[in-house]
PDB file of N, CA and C in Angstrom:
ATOM      1  N   ALA A   1    -262.543  57.431-174.113  1.00  0.00           N
ATOM      2  CA  ALA A   1    -262.875  58.219-172.937  1.00  0.00           C
ATOM      3  C   ALA A   1    -262.121  59.549-172.960  1.00  0.00           C
ATOM      4  N   GLN A   2    -260.857  59.535-173.410  1.00  0.00           N
ATOM      5  CA  GLN A   2    -260.111  60.792-173.464  1.00  0.00           C
ATOM      6  C   GLN A   2    -260.704  61.748-174.489  1.00  0.00           C
ATOM      7  N   TRP A   3    -261.179  61.208-175.611  1.00  0.00           N
ATOM      8  CA  TRP A   3    -261.762  62.086-176.623  1.00  0.00           C
ATOM      9  C   TRP A   3    -263.010  62.765-176.095  1.00  0.00           C
ATOM     10  N   GLN A   4    -263.837  62.021-175.359  1.00  0.00           N
ATOM     11  CA  GLN A   4    -265.040  62.621-174.779  1.00  0.00           C
ATOM     12  C   GLN A   4    -264.641  63.731-173.802  1.00  0.00           C
ATOM     13  N   PHE A   5    -263.633  63.456-172.986  1.00  0.00           N
ATOM     14  CA  PHE A   5    -263.166  64.460-172.035  1.00  0.00           C
ATOM     15  C   PHE A   5    -262.644  65.692-172.770  1.00  0.00           C
ATOM     16  N   ILE A   6    -261.807  65.489-173.787  1.00  0.00           N
ATOM     17  CA  ILE A   6    -261.235  66.610-174.544  1.00  0.00           C
ATOM     18  C   ILE A   6    -262.340  67.421-175.206  1.00  0.00           C
ATOM     19  N   GLU A   7    -263.295  66.729-175.815  1.00  0.00           N
ATOM     20  CA  GLU A   7    -264.411  67.414-176.472  1.00  0.00           C
ATOM     21  C   GLU A   7    -265.190  68.261-175.463  1.00  0.00           C
ATOM     22  N   THR A   8    -265.465  67.687-174.312  1.00  0.00           N
ATOM     23  CA  THR A   8    -266.195  68.414-173.272  1.00  0.00           C
ATOM     24  C   THR A   8    -265.375  69.592-172.764  1.00  0.00           C
ATOM     25  N   PHE A   9    -264.086  69.382-172.549  1.00  0.00           N
ATOM     26  CA  PHE A   9    -263.198  70.443-172.069  1.00  0.00           C
ATOM     27  C   PHE A   9    -263.195  71.621-173.042  1.00  0.00           C
ATOM     28  N   VAL A  10    -263.093  71.326-174.328  1.00  0.00           N
ATOM     29  CA  VAL A  10    -263.083  72.385-175.343  1.00  0.00           C
ATOM     30  C   VAL A  10    -264.446  73.070-175.407  1.00  0.00           C
ATOM     31  N   ARG A  11    -265.511  72.269-175.388  1.00  0.00           N
ATOM     32  CA  ARG A  11    -266.868  72.832-175.438  1.00  0.00           C
ATOM     33  C   ARG A  11    -267.111  73.761-174.248  1.00  0.00           C
ATOM     34  N   CYS A  12    -266.534  73.423-173.112  1.00  0.00           N
ATOM     35  CA  CYS A  12    -266.676  74.238-171.893  1.00  0.00           C
ATOM     36  C   CYS A  12    -265.629  75.346-171.827  1.00  0.00           C
ATOM     37  N   LYS A  13    -264.869  75.503-172.894  1.00  0.00           N
ATOM     38  CA  LYS A  13    -263.849  76.550-173.013  1.00  0.00           C
ATOM     39  C   LYS A  13    -262.837  76.518-171.872  1.00  0.00           C
ATOM     40  N   GLY A  14    -262.541  75.297-171.411  1.00  0.00           N
ATOM     41  CA  GLY A  14    -261.523  75.126-170.385  1.00  0.00           C
ATOM     42  C   GLY A  14    -261.964  75.459-168.975  1.00  0.00           C
ATOM     43  N   LYS A  15    -263.231  75.742-168.785  1.00  0.00           N
ATOM     44  CA  LYS A  15    -263.734  76.073-167.442  1.00  0.00           C
ATOM     45  C   LYS A  15    -263.977  74.778-166.672  1.00  0.00           C
ATOM     46  N   ILE A  16    -263.118  74.522-165.708  1.00  0.00           N
ATOM     47  CA  ILE A  16    -263.152  73.250-164.983  1.00  0.00           C
ATOM     48  C   ILE A  16    -264.492  73.026-164.303  1.00  0.00           C
ATOM     49  N   LYS A  17    -265.064  74.068-163.732  1.00  0.00           N
ATOM     50  CA  LYS A  17    -266.360  73.932-163.058  1.00  0.00           C
ATOM     51  C   LYS A  17    -267.421  73.442-164.051  1.00  0.00           C
ATOM     52  N   ASP A  18    -267.395  73.962-165.281  1.00  0.00           N
ATOM     53  CA  ASP A  18    -268.355  73.530-166.301  1.00  0.00           C
ATOM     54  C   ASP A  18    -268.102  72.084-166.719  1.00  0.00           C
ATOM     55  N   VAL A  19    -266.830  71.684-166.787  1.00  0.00           N
ATOM     56  CA  VAL A  19    -266.490  70.295-167.119  1.00  0.00           C
ATOM     57  C   VAL A  19    -266.987  69.369-166.011  1.00  0.00           C
ATOM     58  N   GLU A  20    -266.807  69.782-164.748  1.00  0.00           N
ATOM     59  CA  GLU A  20    -267.316  69.000-163.612  1.00  0.00           C
ATOM     60  C   GLU A  20    -268.804  68.727-163.787  1.00  0.00           C
ATOM     61  N   THR A  21    -269.553  69.785-164.081  1.00  0.00           N
ATOM     62  CA  THR A  21    -271.004  69.674-164.222  1.00  0.00           C
ATOM     63  C   THR A  21    -271.379  68.815-165.426  1.00  0.00           C
ATOM     64  N   ALA A  22    -270.732  69.063-166.557  1.00  0.00           N
ATOM     65  CA  ALA A  22    -271.074  68.343-167.790  1.00  0.00           C
ATOM     66  C   ALA A  22    -270.823  66.844-167.674  1.00  0.00           C
ATOM     67  N   LEU A  23    -269.743  66.470-167.004  1.00  0.00           N
ATOM     68  CA  LEU A  23    -269.380  65.057-166.898  1.00  0.00           C
ATOM     69  C   LEU A  23    -269.759  64.445-165.550  1.00  0.00           C
ATOM     70  N   ASP A  24    -270.295  65.265-164.657  1.00  0.00           N
ATOM     71  CA  ASP A  24    -270.685  64.825-163.313  1.00  0.00           C
ATOM     72  C   ASP A  24    -269.513  64.155-162.599  1.00  0.00           C
ATOM     73  N   ILE A  25    -268.378  64.870-162.589  1.00  0.00           N
ATOM     74  CA  ILE A  25    -267.176  64.388-161.911  1.00  0.00           C
ATOM     75  C   ILE A  25    -266.634  65.511-161.027  1.00  0.00           C
ATOM     76  N   SER A  26    -265.761  65.156-160.098  1.00  0.00           N
ATOM     77  CA  SER A  26    -265.213  66.131-159.155  1.00  0.00           C
ATOM     78  C   SER A  26    -264.041  66.905-159.764  1.00  0.00           C
ATOM     79  N   TYR A  27    -263.699  68.000-159.100  1.00  0.00           N
ATOM     80  CA  TYR A  27    -262.559  68.810-159.522  1.00  0.00           C
ATOM     81  C   TYR A  27    -261.275  67.984-159.620  1.00  0.00           C
ATOM     82  N   PRO A  28    -260.938  67.199-158.579  1.00  0.00           N
ATOM     83  CA  PRO A  28    -259.704  66.406-158.688  1.00  0.00           C
ATOM     84  C   PRO A  28    -259.728  65.427-159.868  1.00  0.00           C
ATOM     85  N   THR A  29    -260.906  64.908-160.200  1.00  0.00           N
ATOM     86  CA  THR A  29    -261.011  63.987-161.334  1.00  0.00           C
ATOM     87  C   THR A  29    -260.786  64.722-162.644  1.00  0.00           C
ATOM     88  N   VAL A  30    -261.333  65.936-162.769  1.00  0.00           N
ATOM     89  CA  VAL A  30    -261.103  66.739-163.980  1.00  0.00           C
ATOM     90  C   VAL A  30    -259.607  67.001-164.141  1.00  0.00           C
ATOM     91  N   VAL A  31    -258.959  67.408-163.068  1.00  0.00           N
ATOM     92  CA  VAL A  31    -257.523  67.706-163.123  1.00  0.00           C
ATOM     93  C   VAL A  31    -256.725  66.449-163.472  1.00  0.00           C
ATOM     94  N   ALA A  32    -257.085  65.325-162.877  1.00  0.00           N
ATOM     95  CA  ALA A  32    -256.378  64.072-163.164  1.00  0.00           C
ATOM     96  C   ALA A  32    -256.535  63.688-164.633  1.00  0.00           C
ATOM     97  N   ARG A  33    -257.745  63.824-165.156  1.00  0.00           N
ATOM     98  CA  ARG A  33    -257.966  63.483-166.574  1.00  0.00           C
ATOM     99  C   ARG A  33    -257.233  64.447-167.491  1.00  0.00           C
ATOM    100  N   LEU A  34    -257.208  65.708-167.128  1.00  0.00           N
ATOM    101  CA  LEU A  34    -256.470  66.679-167.924  1.00  0.00           C
ATOM    102  C   LEU A  34    -254.982  66.343-167.922  1.00  0.00           C
ATOM    103  N   ASN A  35    -254.465  65.941-166.775  1.00  0.00           N
ATOM    104  CA  ASN A  35    -253.058  65.530-166.698  1.00  0.00           C
ATOM    105  C   ASN A  35    -252.785  64.294-167.549  1.00  0.00           C
ATOM    106  N   GLU A  36    -253.739  63.371-167.607  1.00  0.00           N
ATOM    107  CA  GLU A  36    -253.586  62.193-168.471  1.00  0.00           C
ATOM    108  C   GLU A  36    -253.472  62.613-169.931  1.00  0.00           C
ATOM    109  N   VAL A  37    -254.278  63.587-170.342  1.00  0.00           N
ATOM    110  CA  VAL A  37    -254.228  64.086-171.719  1.00  0.00           C
ATOM    111  C   VAL A  37    -252.875  64.749-171.975  1.00  0.00           C
ATOM    112  N   VAL A  38    -252.422  65.552-171.028  1.00  0.00           N
ATOM    113  CA  VAL A  38    -251.125  66.224-171.170  1.00  0.00           C
ATOM    114  C   VAL A  38    -250.016  65.187-171.354  1.00  0.00           C
ATOM    115  N   ARG A  39    -250.043  64.130-170.537  1.00  0.00           N
ATOM    116  CA  ARG A  39    -249.034  63.060-170.666  1.00  0.00           C
ATOM    117  C   ARG A  39    -249.161  62.335-172.011  1.00  0.00           C
ATOM    118  N   ALA A  40    -250.399  62.081-172.442  1.00  0.00           N
ATOM    119  CA  ALA A  40    -250.625  61.382-173.714  1.00  0.00           C
ATOM    120  C   ALA A  40    -250.078  62.190-174.886  1.00  0.00           C
ATOM    121  N   LEU A  41    -250.042  63.506-174.731  1.00  0.00           N
ATOM    122  CA  LEU A  41    -249.493  64.370-175.775  1.00  0.00           C
ATOM    123  C   LEU A  41    -247.967  64.449-175.710  1.00  0.00           C
ATOM    124  N   GLY A  42    -247.383  63.772-174.721  1.00  0.00           N
ATOM    125  CA  GLY A  42    -245.932  63.716-174.626  1.00  0.00           C
ATOM    126  C   GLY A  42    -245.309  64.767-173.733  1.00  0.00           C
ATOM    127  N   TYR A  43    -246.120  65.492-172.988  1.00  0.00           N
ATOM    128  CA  TYR A  43    -245.601  66.516-172.082  1.00  0.00           C
ATOM    129  C   TYR A  43    -245.545  65.981-170.663  1.00  0.00           C
ATOM    130  N   GLU A  44    -244.713  66.611-169.859  1.00  0.00           N
ATOM    131  CA  GLU A  44    -244.600  66.218-168.458  1.00  0.00           C
ATOM    132  C   GLU A  44    -245.551  67.051-167.621  1.00  0.00           C
ATOM    133  N   VAL A  45    -246.054  66.438-166.573  1.00  0.00           N
ATOM    134  CA  VAL A  45    -246.888  67.143-165.611  1.00  0.00           C
ATOM    135  C   VAL A  45    -245.978  67.563-164.470  1.00  0.00           C
ATOM    136  N   SER A  46    -246.156  68.771-163.971  1.00  0.00           N
ATOM    137  CA  SER A  46    -245.277  69.267-162.909  1.00  0.00           C
ATOM    138  C   SER A  46    -245.289  68.336-161.706  1.00  0.00           C
ATOM    139  N   GLU A  47    -244.214  68.328-160.970  1.00  0.00           N
ATOM    140  CA  GLU A  47    -244.054  67.426-159.827  1.00  0.00           C
ATOM    141  C   GLU A  47    -245.128  67.662-158.777  1.00  0.00           C
ATOM    142  N   ASP A  48    -245.495  68.928-158.541  1.00  0.00           N
ATOM    143  CA  ASP A  48    -246.536  69.232-157.558  1.00  0.00           C
ATOM    144  C   ASP A  48    -247.842  68.542-157.912  1.00  0.00           C
ATOM    145  N   VAL A  49    -248.178  68.549-159.187  1.00  0.00           N
ATOM    146  CA  VAL A  49    -249.417  67.923-159.637  1.00  0.00           C
ATOM    147  C   VAL A  49    -249.324  66.417-159.469  1.00  0.00           C
ATOM    148  N   ALA A  50    -248.184  65.853-159.810  1.00  0.00           N
ATOM    149  CA  ALA A  50    -248.006  64.407-159.676  1.00  0.00           C
ATOM    150  C   ALA A  50    -248.126  63.981-158.213  1.00  0.00           C
ATOM    151  N   VAL A  51    -247.552  64.762-157.314  1.00  0.00           N
ATOM    152  CA  VAL A  51    -247.649  64.456-155.881  1.00  0.00           C
ATOM    153  C   VAL A  51    -249.098  64.549-155.423  1.00  0.00           C
ATOM    154  N   ALA A  52    -249.810  65.570-155.872  1.00  0.00           N
ATOM    155  CA  ALA A  52    -251.218  65.734-155.501  1.00  0.00           C
ATOM    156  C   ALA A  52    -252.055  64.558-156.001  1.00  0.00           C
ATOM    157  N   GLU A  53    -251.756  64.085-157.210  1.00  0.00           N
ATOM    158  CA  GLU A  53    -252.484  62.931-157.751  1.00  0.00           C
ATOM    159  C   GLU A  53    -252.238  61.689-156.903  1.00  0.00           C
ATOM    160  N   GLU A  54    -251.006  61.485-156.487  1.00  0.00           N
ATOM    161  CA  GLU A  54    -250.688  60.328-155.650  1.00  0.00           C
ATOM    162  C   GLU A  54    -251.412  60.414-154.311  1.00  0.00           C
ATOM    163  N   LYS A  55    -251.459  61.620-153.754  1.00  0.00           N
ATOM    164  CA  LYS A  55    -252.169  61.806-152.490  1.00  0.00           C
ATOM    165  C   LYS A  55    -253.650  61.470-152.667  1.00  0.00           C
ATOM    166  N   ARG A  56    -254.231  61.939-153.767  1.00  0.00           N
ATOM    167  CA  ARG A  56    -255.649  61.678-154.035  1.00  0.00           C
ATOM    168  C   ARG A  56    -255.894  60.177-154.149  1.00  0.00           C
ATOM    169  N   LYS A  57    -255.031  59.488-154.881  1.00  0.00           N
ATOM    170  CA  LYS A  57    -255.176  58.036-155.035  1.00  0.00           C
ATOM    171  C   LYS A  57    -255.066  57.331-153.690  1.00  0.00           C
ATOM    172  N   ASP A  58    -254.133  57.787-152.864  1.00  0.00           N
ATOM    173  CA  ASP A  58    -253.943  57.193-151.544  1.00  0.00           C
ATOM    174  C   ASP A  58    -255.196  57.374-150.685  1.00  0.00           C
ATOM    175  N   VAL A  59    -255.768  58.564-150.703  1.00  0.00           N
ATOM    176  CA  VAL A  59    -256.988  58.830-149.927  1.00  0.00           C
ATOM    177  C   VAL A  59    -258.117  57.925-150.400  1.00  0.00           C
ATOM    178  N   LEU A  60    -258.278  57.800-151.712  1.00  0.00           N
ATOM    179  CA  LEU A  60    -259.355  56.966-152.252  1.00  0.00           C
ATOM    180  C   LEU A  60    -259.155  55.489-151.916  1.00  0.00           C
ATOM    181  N   GLN A  61    -257.908  55.041-151.937  1.00  0.00           N
ATOM    182  CA  GLN A  61    -257.631  53.650-151.568  1.00  0.00           C
ATOM    183  C   GLN A  61    -257.933  53.404-150.097  1.00  0.00           C
ATOM    184  N   LYS A  62    -257.569  54.352-149.237  1.00  0.00           N
ATOM    185  CA  LYS A  62    -257.873  54.217-147.812  1.00  0.00           C
ATOM    186  C   LYS A  62    -259.377  54.223-147.572  1.00  0.00           C
ATOM    187  N   LEU A  63    -260.090  55.029-148.320  1.00  0.00           N
ATOM    188  CA  LEU A  63    -261.549  55.058-148.216  1.00  0.00           C
ATOM    189  C   LEU A  63    -262.128  53.710-148.627  1.00  0.00           C
ATOM    190  N   ALA A  64    -261.618  53.146-149.712  1.00  0.00           N
ATOM    191  CA  ALA A  64    -262.107  51.848-150.199  1.00  0.00           C
ATOM    192  C   ALA A  64    -261.837  50.732-149.194  1.00  0.00           C
ATOM    193  N   ARG A  65    -260.744  50.853-148.442  1.00  0.00           N
ATOM    194  CA  ARG A  65    -260.406  49.842-147.431  1.00  0.00           C
ATOM    195  C   ARG A  65    -261.038  50.152-146.073  1.00  0.00           C
ATOM    196  N   ASN A  66    -261.915  51.152-146.047  1.00  0.00           N
ATOM    197  CA  ASN A  66    -262.588  51.580-144.810  1.00  0.00           C
ATOM    198  C   ASN A  66    -261.612  52.050-143.733  1.00  0.00           C
ATOM    199  N   GLU A  67    -260.481  52.585-144.159  1.00  0.00           N
ATOM    200  CA  GLU A  67    -259.517  53.141-143.210  1.00  0.00           C
ATOM    201  C   GLU A  67    -259.801  54.610-142.928  1.00  0.00           C
ATOM    202  N   LEU A  68    -260.674  55.211-143.741  1.00  0.00           N
ATOM    203  CA  LEU A  68    -261.090  56.600-143.579  1.00  0.00           C
ATOM    204  C   LEU A  68    -262.600  56.674-143.712  1.00  0.00           C
ATOM    205  N   SER A  69    -263.203  57.617-143.010  1.00  0.00           N
ATOM    206  CA  SER A  69    -264.633  57.867-143.211  1.00  0.00           C
ATOM    207  C   SER A  69    -264.793  58.700-144.483  1.00  0.00           C
ATOM    208  N   ALA A  70    -265.975  58.698-145.039  1.00  0.00           N
ATOM    209  CA  ALA A  70    -266.241  59.500-146.234  1.00  0.00           C
ATOM    210  C   ALA A  70    -266.005  60.979-145.934  1.00  0.00           C
ATOM    211  N   LYS A  71    -266.396  61.407-144.742  1.00  0.00           N
ATOM    212  CA  LYS A  71    -266.219  62.811-144.347  1.00  0.00           C
ATOM    213  C   LYS A  71    -264.735  63.179-144.303  1.00  0.00           C
ATOM    214  N   ASP A  72    -263.916  62.315-143.701  1.00  0.00           N
ATOM    215  CA  ASP A  72    -262.476  62.582-143.628  1.00  0.00           C
ATOM    216  C   ASP A  72    -261.831  62.545-145.009  1.00  0.00           C
ATOM    217  N   ALA A  73    -262.262  61.596-145.835  1.00  0.00           N
ATOM    218  CA  ALA A  73    -261.714  61.503-147.191  1.00  0.00           C
ATOM    219  C   ALA A  73    -262.042  62.763-147.981  1.00  0.00           C
ATOM    220  N   LEU A  74    -263.279  63.227-147.876  1.00  0.00           N
ATOM    221  CA  LEU A  74    -263.683  64.438-148.588  1.00  0.00           C
ATOM    222  C   LEU A  74    -262.857  65.636-148.126  1.00  0.00           C
ATOM    223  N   ARG A  75    -262.651  65.750-146.831  1.00  0.00           N
ATOM    224  CA  ARG A  75    -261.853  66.847-146.286  1.00  0.00           C
ATOM    225  C   ARG A  75    -260.426  66.799-146.847  1.00  0.00           C
ATOM    226  N   LEU A  76    -259.834  65.620-146.847  1.00  0.00           N
ATOM    227  CA  LEU A  76    -258.468  65.478-147.364  1.00  0.00           C
ATOM    228  C   LEU A  76    -258.391  65.790-148.852  1.00  0.00           C
ATOM    229  N   LEU A  77    -259.389  65.353-149.603  1.00  0.00           N
ATOM    230  CA  LEU A  77    -259.401  65.631-151.039  1.00  0.00           C
ATOM    231  C   LEU A  77    -259.568  67.125-151.300  1.00  0.00           C
ATOM    232  N   GLU A  78    -260.419  67.777-150.526  1.00  0.00           N
ATOM    233  CA  GLU A  78    -260.615  69.214-150.707  1.00  0.00           C
ATOM    234  C   GLU A  78    -259.359  69.992-150.330  1.00  0.00           C
ATOM    235  N   GLU A  79    -258.628  69.527-149.332  1.00  0.00           N
ATOM    236  CA  GLU A  79    -257.364  70.173-148.955  1.00  0.00           C
ATOM    237  C   GLU A  79    -256.342  70.053-150.076  1.00  0.00           C
ATOM    238  N   GLY A  80    -256.419  68.980-150.848  1.00  0.00           N
ATOM    239  CA  GLY A  80    -255.481  68.744-151.935  1.00  0.00           C
ATOM    240  C   GLY A  80    -255.717  69.601-153.151  1.00  0.00           C
ATOM    241  N   GLU A  81    -256.861  70.257-153.228  1.00  0.00           N
ATOM    242  CA  GLU A  81    -257.171  71.110-154.374  1.00  0.00           C
ATOM    243  C   GLU A  81    -256.316  72.325-154.276  1.00  0.00           C
TER     244      GLU A  81
END
């Protein structure tokens, strides 16, 4: 899965919007996958990014438990960008 993401990222010349379209995933998902690649290469992801990822995961978990509406979850995720 990481190789497909990396290949798509390179093919899209690093343009996140193009990666979103090519893989049919959201901006936060592109950023999260890119951070996974960065970590896999042995580099650290900045603390701000790590905090944002945790917030995103928390929002998605609350949505899955029906503690948030889809509209509220989307708003929170967009604020995290």
